[in-house]
Amino acid sequence: MQLVPHSPSDGVYPATDDYAHAMEVRGAQRLLFVAGTMGLDSSGTPGETLDEQLDLIWSNIRVILASADMTTDNIVRLTSYLRDSSYAEANAAARVAALDGRVVPTTAVVAETLVSDWLVEIEVIAAG
């Protein structure tokens, strides 16, 4: 499988260093669509802080990906749902760290979560 990021510079606003406008996936045989994943521990309890929830989210995503014999290297698209816009910087930093600096198309949306203790929810698409 080959991943080819696309961020044209003519005719569209520039992408920042931490995301790509689009990701072309060549030669993939499998796609994995991961539901919105929250910062909950294995008992379903949310982390007490934003940083704890972000750590739990990425831990949960890694476990889900591993169940399909994938890693964060297989992520080709990511959407974050933030309960508050002030979470954007921490969320972006956690994403960049989790992806080891690899850029993918990403969107962040400010939305009310179903439970007020859920601060961030992240869904991903992975290919392999």
C-alpha atoms as a PDB file:
ATOM      1  CA  MET A   1       0.000   0.000   0.000  1.00  0.00           C
ATOM      2  CA  GLN A   2       1.199   3.478  -0.810  1.00  0.00           C
ATOM      3  CA  LEU A   3      -0.058   6.687   0.827  1.00  0.00           C
ATOM      4  CA  VAL A   4       0.322   9.888  -1.176  1.00  0.00           C
ATOM      5  CA  PRO A   5      -0.600  13.126   0.608  1.00  0.00           C
ATOM      6  CA  HIS A   6      -1.942  15.926  -1.591  1.00  0.00           C
ATOM      7  CA  SER A   7      -1.852  19.574  -0.539  1.00  0.00           C
ATOM      8  CA  PRO A   8      -1.961  21.711  -3.675  1.00  0.00           C
ATOM      9  CA  SER A   9      -0.716  25.260  -3.278  1.00  0.00           C
ATOM     10  CA  ASP A  10      -2.489  26.856  -6.249  1.00  0.00           C
ATOM     11  CA  GLY A  11      -6.200  27.631  -6.141  1.00  0.00           C
ATOM     12  CA  VAL A  12      -6.792  26.543  -2.521  1.00  0.00           C
ATOM     13  CA  TYR A  13      -5.740  27.820   0.886  1.00  0.00           C
ATOM     14  CA  PRO A  14      -2.474  26.326   2.150  1.00  0.00           C
ATOM     15  CA  ALA A  15      -2.415  23.310   4.435  1.00  0.00           C
ATOM     16  CA  THR A  16      -0.583  23.755   7.718  1.00  0.00           C
ATOM     17  CA  ASP A  17       2.362  21.586   8.736  1.00  0.00           C
ATOM     18  CA  ASP A  18       0.190  19.182  10.737  1.00  0.00           C
ATOM     19  CA  TYR A  19      -2.348  18.048   8.124  1.00  0.00           C
ATOM     20  CA  ALA A  20      -2.811  17.334   4.424  1.00  0.00           C
ATOM     21  CA  HIS A  21      -5.771  18.384   2.282  1.00  0.00           C
ATOM     22  CA  ALA A  22      -6.172  14.840   0.952  1.00  0.00           C
ATOM     23  CA  MET A  23      -4.642  11.373   1.113  1.00  0.00           C
ATOM     24  CA  GLU A  24      -4.495   9.131  -1.923  1.00  0.00           C
ATOM     25  CA  VAL A  25      -4.404   5.444  -0.981  1.00  0.00           C
ATOM     26  CA  ARG A  26      -2.914   3.148  -3.612  1.00  0.00           C
ATOM     27  CA  GLY A  27      -3.003  -0.615  -3.444  1.00  0.00           C
ATOM     28  CA  ALA A  28      -5.000  -0.959  -0.226  1.00  0.00           C
ATOM     29  CA  GLN A  29      -6.861  -4.209   0.236  1.00  0.00           C
ATOM     30  CA  ARG A  30      -8.643  -3.340   3.471  1.00  0.00           C
ATOM     31  CA  LEU A  31     -10.386  -0.308   4.971  1.00  0.00           C
ATOM     32  CA  LEU A  32     -11.183   0.055   8.674  1.00  0.00           C
ATOM     33  CA  PHE A  33     -13.736   2.634   9.804  1.00  0.00           C
ATOM     34  CA  VAL A  34     -13.314   3.329  13.520  1.00  0.00           C
ATOM     35  CA  ALA A  35     -16.279   4.779  15.396  1.00  0.00           C
ATOM     36  CA  GLY A  36     -15.843   7.876  17.506  1.00  0.00           C
ATOM     37  CA  THR A  37     -13.529   6.820  20.320  1.00  0.00           C
ATOM     38  CA  MET A  38     -13.633   8.532  23.712  1.00  0.00           C
ATOM     39  CA  GLY A  39     -11.108   8.956  26.500  1.00  0.00           C
ATOM     40  CA  LEU A  40     -12.579   6.179  28.623  1.00  0.00           C
ATOM     41  CA  ASP A  41     -10.652   3.536  30.526  1.00  0.00           C
ATOM     42  CA  SER A  42     -11.458  -0.164  30.235  1.00  0.00           C
ATOM     43  CA  SER A  43     -14.235   0.202  32.834  1.00  0.00           C
ATOM     44  CA  GLY A  44     -15.854   3.034  30.847  1.00  0.00           C
ATOM     45  CA  THR A  45     -14.720   5.815  33.192  1.00  0.00           C
ATOM     46  CA  PRO A  46     -13.530   9.028  31.512  1.00  0.00           C
ATOM     47  CA  GLY A  47     -10.120  10.469  32.287  1.00  0.00           C
ATOM     48  CA  GLU A  48     -10.324  13.361  34.719  1.00  0.00           C
ATOM     49  CA  THR A  49      -8.406  15.859  32.574  1.00  0.00           C
ATOM     50  CA  LEU A  50      -8.206  16.673  28.881  1.00  0.00           C
ATOM     51  CA  ASP A  51      -4.662  15.269  28.689  1.00  0.00           C
ATOM     52  CA  GLU A  52      -5.743  12.026  30.397  1.00  0.00           C
ATOM     53  CA  GLN A  53      -8.634  11.659  27.973  1.00  0.00           C
ATOM     54  CA  LEU A  54      -6.401  12.286  24.958  1.00  0.00           C
ATOM     55  CA  ASP A  55      -3.953   9.642  26.222  1.00  0.00           C
ATOM     56  CA  LEU A  56      -6.831   7.180  26.699  1.00  0.00           C
ATOM     57  CA  ILE A  57      -8.284   7.968  23.269  1.00  0.00           C
ATOM     58  CA  TRP A  58      -5.026   7.210  21.510  1.00  0.00           C
ATOM     59  CA  SER A  59      -4.479   4.099  23.620  1.00  0.00           C
ATOM     60  CA  ASN A  60      -7.991   2.917  22.714  1.00  0.00           C
ATOM     61  CA  ILE A  61      -7.439   3.680  19.027  1.00  0.00           C
ATOM     62  CA  ARG A  62      -4.193   1.677  19.067  1.00  0.00           C
ATOM     63  CA  VAL A  63      -6.006  -1.321  20.606  1.00  0.00           C
ATOM     64  CA  ILE A  64      -8.812  -1.106  18.042  1.00  0.00           C
ATOM     65  CA  LEU A  65      -6.321  -0.827  15.166  1.00  0.00           C
ATOM     66  CA  ALA A  66      -4.306  -3.763  16.521  1.00  0.00           C
ATOM     67  CA  SER A  67      -7.467  -5.899  16.495  1.00  0.00           C
ATOM     68  CA  ALA A  68      -7.378  -5.470  12.697  1.00  0.00           C
ATOM     69  CA  ASP A  69      -3.586  -5.999  12.502  1.00  0.00           C
ATOM     70  CA  MET A  70      -3.060  -2.275  11.915  1.00  0.00           C
ATOM     71  CA  THR A  71      -1.206   0.563  13.644  1.00  0.00           C
ATOM     72  CA  THR A  72      -1.463   4.339  13.627  1.00  0.00           C
ATOM     73  CA  ASP A  73       0.653   4.173  10.449  1.00  0.00           C
ATOM     74  CA  ASN A  74      -2.484   2.870   8.705  1.00  0.00           C
ATOM     75  CA  ILE A  75      -4.590   5.934   9.579  1.00  0.00           C
ATOM     76  CA  VAL A  76      -5.514   7.846   6.420  1.00  0.00           C
ATOM     77  CA  ARG A  77      -8.245  10.193   7.753  1.00  0.00           C
ATOM     78  CA  LEU A  78      -9.145  11.565  11.182  1.00  0.00           C
ATOM     79  CA  THR A  79     -12.003  13.631  12.624  1.00  0.00           C
ATOM     80  CA  SER A  80     -11.942  15.084  16.131  1.00  0.00           C
ATOM     81  CA  TYR A  81     -15.048  16.230  17.953  1.00  0.00           C
ATOM     82  CA  LEU A  82     -14.134  18.721  20.675  1.00  0.00           C
ATOM     83  CA  ARG A  83     -16.525  19.760  23.439  1.00  0.00           C
ATOM     84  CA  ASP A  84     -14.795  23.172  23.549  1.00  0.00           C
ATOM     85  CA  SER A  85     -12.680  25.044  21.007  1.00  0.00           C
ATOM     86  CA  SER A  86     -10.026  25.643  23.667  1.00  0.00           C
ATOM     87  CA  TYR A  87      -9.152  21.914  23.366  1.00  0.00           C
ATOM     88  CA  ALA A  88      -7.915  22.308  19.773  1.00  0.00           C
ATOM     89  CA  GLU A  89      -4.241  22.899  20.545  1.00  0.00           C
ATOM     90  CA  ALA A  90      -3.910  19.966  22.968  1.00  0.00           C
ATOM     91  CA  ASN A  91      -5.845  17.728  20.581  1.00  0.00           C
ATOM     92  CA  ALA A  92      -3.593  18.666  17.658  1.00  0.00           C
ATOM     93  CA  ALA A  93      -0.459  18.067  19.745  1.00  0.00           C
ATOM     94  CA  ALA A  94      -1.735  14.636  20.812  1.00  0.00           C
ATOM     95  CA  ARG A  95      -2.564  13.756  17.188  1.00  0.00           C
ATOM     96  CA  VAL A  96       0.851  14.846  15.909  1.00  0.00           C
ATOM     97  CA  ALA A  97       2.551  12.806  18.661  1.00  0.00           C
ATOM     98  CA  ALA A  98       0.354   9.745  18.056  1.00  0.00           C
ATOM     99  CA  LEU A  99       1.048   9.842  14.315  1.00  0.00           C
ATOM    100  CA  ASP A 100       4.756  10.575  14.914  1.00  0.00           C
ATOM    101  CA  GLY A 101       4.466  13.748  12.853  1.00  0.00           C
ATOM    102  CA  ARG A 102       2.886  12.038   9.831  1.00  0.00           C
ATOM    103  CA  VAL A 103       0.261  14.267   8.220  1.00  0.00           C
ATOM    104  CA  VAL A 104      -3.195  13.031   7.251  1.00  0.00           C
ATOM    105  CA  PRO A 105      -6.394  14.822   6.282  1.00  0.00           C
ATOM    106  CA  THR A 106      -8.011  15.893   9.530  1.00  0.00           C
ATOM    107  CA  THR A 107     -10.992  17.885  10.665  1.00  0.00           C
ATOM    108  CA  ALA A 108     -11.837  19.217  14.115  1.00  0.00           C
ATOM    109  CA  VAL A 109     -15.434  20.038  14.968  1.00  0.00           C
ATOM    110  CA  VAL A 110     -16.731  21.675  18.124  1.00  0.00           C
ATOM    111  CA  ALA A 111     -19.798  19.722  19.233  1.00  0.00           C
ATOM    112  CA  GLU A 112     -21.736  18.862  22.319  1.00  0.00           C
ATOM    113  CA  THR A 113     -20.883  15.306  23.325  1.00  0.00           C
ATOM    114  CA  LEU A 114     -23.541  12.890  24.541  1.00  0.00           C
ATOM    115  CA  VAL A 115     -22.052  12.925  28.049  1.00  0.00           C
ATOM    116  CA  SER A 116     -20.606  16.166  29.428  1.00  0.00           C
ATOM    117  CA  ASP A 117     -17.568  14.349  30.886  1.00  0.00           C
ATOM    118  CA  TRP A 118     -16.506  13.241  27.395  1.00  0.00           C
ATOM    119  CA  LEU A 119     -14.231  16.091  26.294  1.00  0.00           C
ATOM    120  CA  VAL A 120     -13.008  14.756  22.934  1.00  0.00           C
ATOM    121  CA  GLU A 121     -14.112  12.020  20.568  1.00  0.00           C
ATOM    122  CA  ILE A 122     -11.969  10.906  17.623  1.00  0.00           C
ATOM    123  CA  GLU A 123     -12.918   8.755  14.636  1.00  0.00           C
ATOM    124  CA  VAL A 124     -10.439   7.432  12.121  1.00  0.00           C
ATOM    125  CA  ILE A 125     -10.294   5.671   8.804  1.00  0.00           C
ATOM    126  CA  ALA A 126      -7.391   3.285   8.316  1.00  0.00           C
ATOM    127  CA  ALA A 127      -6.258   1.395   5.231  1.00  0.00           C
ATOM    128  CA  GLY A 128      -4.067  -1.615   4.806  1.00  0.00           C
END
